[in-house]
Protein backbone atom coordinates (compact mmCIF):
# COMPACT_ATOMS: atom_id res chain seq x y z
CA UNK A 1 3.53 7.35 -64.13
CA UNK A 2 -0.23 7.48 -63.43
CA UNK A 3 -2.30 4.37 -64.00
CA UNK A 4 -6.13 4.34 -64.11
CA UNK A 5 -7.74 1.23 -62.60
CA UNK A 6 -11.33 0.29 -61.88
CA UNK A 7 -12.89 -2.38 -59.60
CA UNK A 8 -16.03 -3.33 -61.44
CA UNK A 9 -18.50 -4.28 -58.71
CA UNK A 10 -21.84 -2.99 -57.45
CA UNK A 11 -22.93 -0.60 -54.71
CA UNK A 12 -23.78 -3.43 -52.28
CA UNK A 13 -20.36 -5.08 -52.53
CA UNK A 14 -19.21 -3.53 -49.27
CA UNK A 15 -16.81 -5.48 -47.11
CA UNK A 16 -17.32 -6.52 -43.49
CA UNK A 17 -21.10 -5.91 -43.56
CA UNK A 18 -22.87 -8.93 -42.10
CA UNK A 19 -26.01 -8.50 -44.13
CA UNK A 20 -24.01 -8.43 -47.39
CA UNK A 21 -21.69 -11.42 -46.96
CA UNK A 22 -24.11 -14.03 -48.36
CA UNK A 23 -23.98 -14.09 -52.19
CA UNK A 24 -27.52 -15.43 -52.30
CA UNK A 25 -28.74 -12.14 -50.80
CA UNK A 26 -27.11 -10.05 -53.54
CA UNK A 27 -29.85 -10.95 -56.01
CA UNK A 28 -32.26 -9.06 -53.81
CA UNK A 29 -30.59 -5.74 -54.55
CA UNK A 30 -30.93 -3.41 -57.50
CA UNK A 31 -28.00 -3.66 -59.87
CA UNK A 32 -26.55 -0.23 -60.63
CA UNK A 33 -22.95 -0.80 -61.75
CA UNK A 34 -23.77 0.66 -65.14
CA UNK A 35 -24.53 4.10 -63.64
CA UNK A 36 -21.05 4.80 -62.45
CA UNK A 37 -19.42 2.79 -65.22
CA UNK A 38 -20.94 5.16 -67.80
CA UNK A 39 -19.21 8.13 -66.18
CA UNK A 40 -15.88 6.30 -65.94
CA UNK A 41 -15.90 5.05 -69.55
CA UNK A 42 -16.88 8.52 -70.82
CA UNK A 43 -14.05 10.21 -68.94
CA UNK A 44 -11.52 7.76 -70.35
CA UNK A 45 -12.98 8.00 -73.91
CA UNK A 46 -12.82 11.81 -73.88
CA UNK A 47 -9.09 11.71 -73.12
CA UNK A 48 -8.08 8.61 -75.09
CA UNK A 49 -6.88 6.80 -71.96
CA UNK A 50 -6.75 3.03 -71.70
CA UNK A 51 -7.52 1.73 -68.16
CA UNK A 52 -7.19 -1.59 -66.39
CA UNK A 53 -10.54 -2.97 -65.25
CA UNK A 54 -10.76 -5.61 -62.55
CA UNK A 55 -14.02 -7.49 -63.07
CA UNK A 56 -15.93 -9.10 -60.23
CA UNK A 57 -17.04 -12.48 -61.47
CA UNK A 58 -20.47 -12.41 -59.87
CA UNK A 59 -21.27 -9.00 -61.32
CA UNK A 60 -20.27 -9.68 -64.90
CA UNK A 61 -21.87 -13.13 -64.83
CA UNK A 62 -25.16 -11.33 -64.13
CA UNK A 63 -24.49 -8.53 -66.63
CA UNK A 64 -22.19 -9.68 -69.43
CA UNK A 65 -22.75 -6.47 -71.40
CA UNK A 66 -20.47 -4.74 -68.92
CA UNK A 67 -17.53 -6.76 -70.21
CA UNK A 68 -18.49 -6.13 -73.85
CA UNK A 69 -18.52 -2.37 -73.27
CA UNK A 70 -15.12 -2.38 -71.50
CA UNK A 71 -13.42 -4.59 -74.05
CA UNK A 72 -14.89 -2.85 -77.09
CA UNK A 73 -13.53 0.45 -75.71
CA UNK A 74 -10.00 -1.01 -75.77
CA UNK A 75 -9.36 -1.35 -72.04
CA UNK A 76 -7.37 -4.11 -70.40
CA UNK A 77 -9.20 -6.56 -68.14
CA UNK A 78 -8.24 -8.37 -64.94
CA UNK A 79 -10.19 -10.27 -62.29
CA UNK A 80 -11.37 -8.94 -58.93
CA UNK A 81 -12.30 -12.44 -57.69
CA UNK A 82 -15.71 -14.03 -57.98
CA UNK A 83 -17.18 -13.67 -54.48
CA UNK A 84 -15.49 -10.44 -53.29
CA UNK A 85 -14.19 -12.22 -50.23
CA UNK A 86 -11.27 -11.02 -48.12
CA UNK A 87 -8.12 -12.95 -49.06
CA UNK A 88 -6.72 -13.12 -45.52
CA UNK A 89 -9.83 -15.16 -44.56
CA UNK A 90 -9.07 -17.73 -47.27
CA UNK A 91 -6.49 -20.48 -47.58
CA UNK A 92 -4.64 -21.15 -50.79
CA UNK A 93 -7.11 -23.78 -51.95
CA UNK A 94 -10.22 -21.64 -51.50
CA UNK A 95 -8.38 -18.67 -53.00
CA UNK A 96 -7.56 -20.68 -56.16
CA UNK A 97 -11.08 -22.04 -56.45
CA UNK A 98 -12.49 -18.55 -56.38
CA UNK A 99 -9.83 -17.22 -58.76
CA UNK A 100 -10.43 -20.04 -61.29
CA UNK A 101 -14.17 -19.47 -61.25
CA UNK A 102 -13.77 -15.78 -61.96
CA UNK A 103 -11.33 -16.37 -64.79
CA UNK A 104 -13.58 -18.97 -66.44
CA UNK A 105 -16.52 -16.56 -66.36
CA UNK A 106 -14.56 -13.61 -67.77
CA UNK A 107 -13.04 -15.76 -70.50
CA UNK A 108 -16.41 -17.28 -71.45
CA UNK A 109 -17.97 -13.87 -71.77
CA UNK A 110 -15.17 -12.01 -73.52
CA UNK A 111 -12.90 -14.58 -75.12
CA UNK A 112 -10.09 -12.73 -73.37
CA UNK A 113 -8.00 -14.16 -70.60
CA UNK A 114 -7.56 -11.68 -67.70
CA UNK A 115 -3.97 -10.39 -67.37
CA UNK A 116 -4.21 -9.06 -63.83
CA UNK A 117 -5.67 -9.59 -60.40
CA UNK A 118 -6.77 -7.35 -57.52
CA UNK A 119 -7.88 -8.67 -54.12
CA UNK A 120 -11.11 -7.26 -52.69
CA UNK A 121 -10.21 -4.53 -50.24
CA UNK A 122 -6.49 -4.92 -51.01
CA UNK A 123 -6.79 -7.78 -48.47
CA UNK A 124 -3.50 -9.56 -49.08
CA UNK A 125 -0.93 -9.51 -46.24
CA UNK A 126 2.57 -10.87 -46.30
CA UNK A 127 1.22 -14.01 -44.63
CA UNK A 128 -0.51 -14.83 -47.90
CA UNK A 129 2.65 -14.67 -50.03
CA UNK A 130 1.47 -17.86 -51.62
CA UNK A 131 -0.88 -15.73 -53.69
CA UNK A 132 1.99 -15.12 -56.08
CA UNK A 133 2.32 -18.85 -56.68
CA UNK A 134 -1.42 -19.15 -57.22
CA UNK A 135 -1.63 -16.25 -59.67
CA UNK A 136 1.23 -17.68 -61.74
CA UNK A 137 -0.51 -21.11 -61.68
CA UNK A 138 -3.34 -19.39 -63.58
CA UNK A 139 -1.02 -17.42 -65.87
CA UNK A 140 -1.72 -14.02 -64.31
CA UNK A 141 1.35 -11.82 -64.38
CA UNK A 142 0.18 -8.54 -62.86
CA UNK A 143 -1.15 -7.94 -59.35
CA UNK A 144 -2.55 -4.79 -57.76
CA UNK A 145 -3.45 -5.98 -54.27
CA UNK A 146 -0.68 -4.75 -52.01
CA UNK A 147 -0.97 -1.85 -49.62
CA UNK A 148 1.99 -1.13 -47.37
CA UNK A 149 -0.09 0.90 -44.96
CA UNK A 150 -2.70 -0.24 -42.47
CA UNK A 151 -6.32 0.03 -43.66
CA UNK A 152 -9.71 -1.26 -42.65
CA UNK A 153 -9.68 -4.40 -44.77
CA UNK A 154 -6.03 -5.21 -45.08
CA UNK A 155 -2.73 -3.55 -45.72
CA UNK A 156 0.60 -4.70 -44.31
CA UNK A 157 3.53 -2.41 -43.54
CA UNK A 158 5.90 -5.40 -43.85
CA UNK A 159 5.60 -5.12 -47.65
CA UNK A 160 7.33 -1.70 -47.52
CA UNK A 161 6.75 -0.86 -51.14
CA UNK A 162 4.90 2.04 -52.80
CA UNK A 163 5.97 1.75 -56.40
CA UNK A 164 5.92 -0.99 -59.05
CA UNK A 165 8.25 -3.90 -58.36
CA UNK A 166 8.90 -7.47 -59.43
CA UNK A 167 7.54 -9.40 -56.45
CA UNK A 168 9.05 -12.86 -56.05
CA UNK A 169 7.94 -15.86 -53.97
CA UNK A 170 9.92 -19.11 -54.32
CA UNK A 171 10.50 -19.47 -58.04
CA UNK A 172 7.46 -17.42 -59.02
CA UNK A 173 7.34 -13.69 -59.70
CA UNK A 174 4.76 -11.10 -60.73
CA UNK A 175 4.57 -7.41 -61.53
CA UNK A 176 3.16 -5.71 -58.44
CA UNK A 177 1.29 -2.39 -58.60
CA UNK A 178 0.91 -1.38 -54.93
CA UNK A 179 -1.20 1.39 -53.55
CA UNK A 180 0.89 4.50 -53.43
CA UNK A 181 0.95 7.05 -50.65
CA UNK A 182 1.34 10.82 -50.41
CA UNK A 183 2.88 13.05 -47.87
CA UNK A 184 1.16 16.00 -46.22
CA UNK A 185 2.61 17.89 -43.26
CA UNK A 186 5.03 15.01 -42.68
CA UNK A 187 2.26 12.40 -42.53
CA UNK A 188 1.85 9.55 -45.02
CA UNK A 189 -1.66 9.06 -46.40
CA UNK A 190 -3.50 7.19 -49.08
CA UNK A 191 -5.38 9.40 -51.49
CA UNK A 192 -5.61 7.76 -54.92
CA UNK A 193 -8.96 6.02 -54.90
CA UNK A 194 -12.30 5.06 -53.41
CA UNK A 195 -13.39 6.96 -50.32
CA UNK A 196 -9.97 8.69 -50.09
CA UNK A 197 -10.48 10.16 -53.56
CA UNK A 198 -14.09 11.26 -52.71
CA UNK A 199 -13.02 12.84 -49.39
CA UNK A 200 -9.98 14.92 -50.33
CA UNK A 201 -10.46 18.24 -52.21
CA UNK A 202 -9.60 18.32 -55.88
CA UNK A 203 -6.66 20.69 -55.51
CA UNK A 204 -5.15 18.49 -52.80
CA UNK A 205 -5.49 15.37 -54.99
CA UNK A 206 -3.75 17.22 -57.83
CA UNK A 207 -0.99 18.44 -55.48
CA UNK A 208 -0.30 14.98 -54.05
CA UNK A 209 -0.41 13.32 -57.47
CA UNK A 210 2.04 15.71 -59.03
CA UNK A 211 4.48 15.18 -56.21
CA UNK A 212 4.74 11.46 -56.99
CA UNK A 213 6.50 9.70 -59.85
CA UNK A 214 3.93 6.87 -59.50
CA UNK A 215 0.25 6.93 -58.72
CA UNK A 216 -2.08 3.91 -59.08
CA UNK A 217 -5.58 5.36 -59.03
CA UNK A 218 -8.43 2.97 -58.30
CA UNK A 219 -12.17 3.61 -58.62
CA UNK A 220 -15.47 1.79 -58.38
CA UNK A 221 -18.73 2.49 -60.26
CA UNK A 222 -20.37 3.30 -56.93
CA UNK A 223 -17.93 6.19 -56.43
CA UNK A 224 -19.85 8.05 -59.17
CA UNK A 225 -23.43 7.10 -58.33
CA UNK A 226 -24.93 9.68 -55.90
CA UNK A 227 -28.41 8.04 -56.14
CA UNK A 228 -27.32 4.63 -54.98
CA UNK A 229 -29.25 3.16 -52.03
CA UNK A 230 -27.73 3.57 -48.59
CA UNK A 231 -27.01 0.76 -46.20
CA UNK A 232 -28.54 2.16 -43.02
CA UNK A 233 -26.98 -0.42 -40.69
CA UNK A 234 -23.44 0.83 -41.18
CA UNK A 235 -21.59 2.32 -38.25
CA UNK A 236 -21.46 6.16 -38.44
CA UNK A 237 -17.78 6.33 -39.49
CA UNK A 238 -18.22 3.58 -42.05
CA UNK A 239 -21.35 5.26 -43.39
CA UNK A 240 -19.46 8.47 -43.86
CA UNK A 241 -16.58 6.73 -45.64
CA UNK A 242 -18.95 4.88 -47.94
CA UNK A 243 -20.99 7.89 -49.11
CA UNK A 244 -18.86 11.02 -48.63
CA UNK A 245 -18.31 13.15 -51.73
CA UNK A 246 -20.63 11.25 -54.09
CA UNK A 247 -22.31 14.35 -55.51
CA UNK A 248 -19.10 16.01 -56.68
CA UNK A 249 -17.13 12.90 -57.62
CA UNK A 250 -17.70 13.00 -61.36
CA UNK A 251 -16.54 16.62 -61.62
CA UNK A 252 -13.57 15.78 -59.41
CA UNK A 253 -12.63 12.92 -61.77
CA UNK A 254 -12.76 15.14 -64.80
CA UNK A 255 -10.65 17.82 -63.03
CA UNK A 256 -8.07 15.23 -62.06
CA UNK A 257 -7.82 13.74 -65.49
CA UNK A 258 -7.35 17.20 -67.01
CA UNK A 259 -4.69 18.02 -64.44
CA UNK A 260 -2.36 15.00 -64.71
CA UNK A 261 -1.27 12.67 -67.45
CA UNK A 262 -2.40 9.02 -67.39
CA UNK A 263 -0.41 6.32 -69.18
CA UNK A 264 -2.23 3.69 -71.11
CA UNK A 265 -2.48 0.50 -69.07
CA UNK A 266 -0.67 -1.57 -71.66
CA UNK A 267 2.56 0.07 -70.55
CA UNK A 268 2.53 -2.56 -67.76
CA UNK A 269 3.29 -5.29 -70.30
CA UNK A 270 6.04 -3.53 -72.20
CA UNK A 271 9.69 -4.60 -71.84
CA UNK A 272 10.76 -0.99 -71.36
CA UNK A 273 8.72 -0.90 -68.17
CA UNK A 274 9.36 -4.42 -66.92
CA UNK A 275 13.12 -4.35 -67.34
CA UNK A 276 13.48 -1.42 -64.95
CA UNK A 277 11.66 -2.97 -61.99
CA UNK A 278 13.51 -3.91 -58.79
CA UNK A 279 12.93 -7.42 -57.50
CA UNK A 280 11.76 -8.00 -53.91
CA UNK A 281 11.85 -11.49 -52.52
CA UNK A 282 9.08 -12.65 -50.14
CA UNK A 283 9.51 -15.55 -47.80
């Protein structure tokens, strides 16, 4: 099963960059989310695939037409928070305040209540297991925030999952779509989105994807915008990760979508899918 997901945010929504943490400063930057979004929507339209789009509240509040385009094309929508803040730096109260704000904006614009959530940077660790309780409080039943490998902005090997499960905390449960991993020369690696997708060659992406029974691909509009401005203050490794492979990313996306089959995202809500999930209890 291959699922196509998108984090709808802008090129300047980079995490752990001091100059970009203040939301007030975001208004100073050129908004370019439409550039990459055009490529993503066209790729999906050409193949009749329905994706799951996680909308950043701040971005769609500024540009409501983004939501209209996604919804009118028949895609599912979720929330990607309002302020793009790392979850492990929040407590449950501030997490819920941000979540509620993002939901209200998305619903006001679209008339559709988001069905899913993704934390910025997959920044949920097992220490924030209360996030399940919070998501259910706001009637969100699907999460795609867990990464069971260490990464720059999160990840937690204690989750120990790399396929869809029913994740339970106290009396609350959600459908969890974790980041999947691949195996190359005996080494586990992430490959299915963002900088990983832009870095690895197309044939390797196809090889790794076809080896798995489950792949949750995740993209951002900036992944397909070679002309986006560069943040010069980034450390060299971070700079490389942020901008590697931009020129060939659109062709790579089309190659990948022609090489593997993507399920429509609404499969995530169907009983035939939900009934076969294992349940994992978090404490």
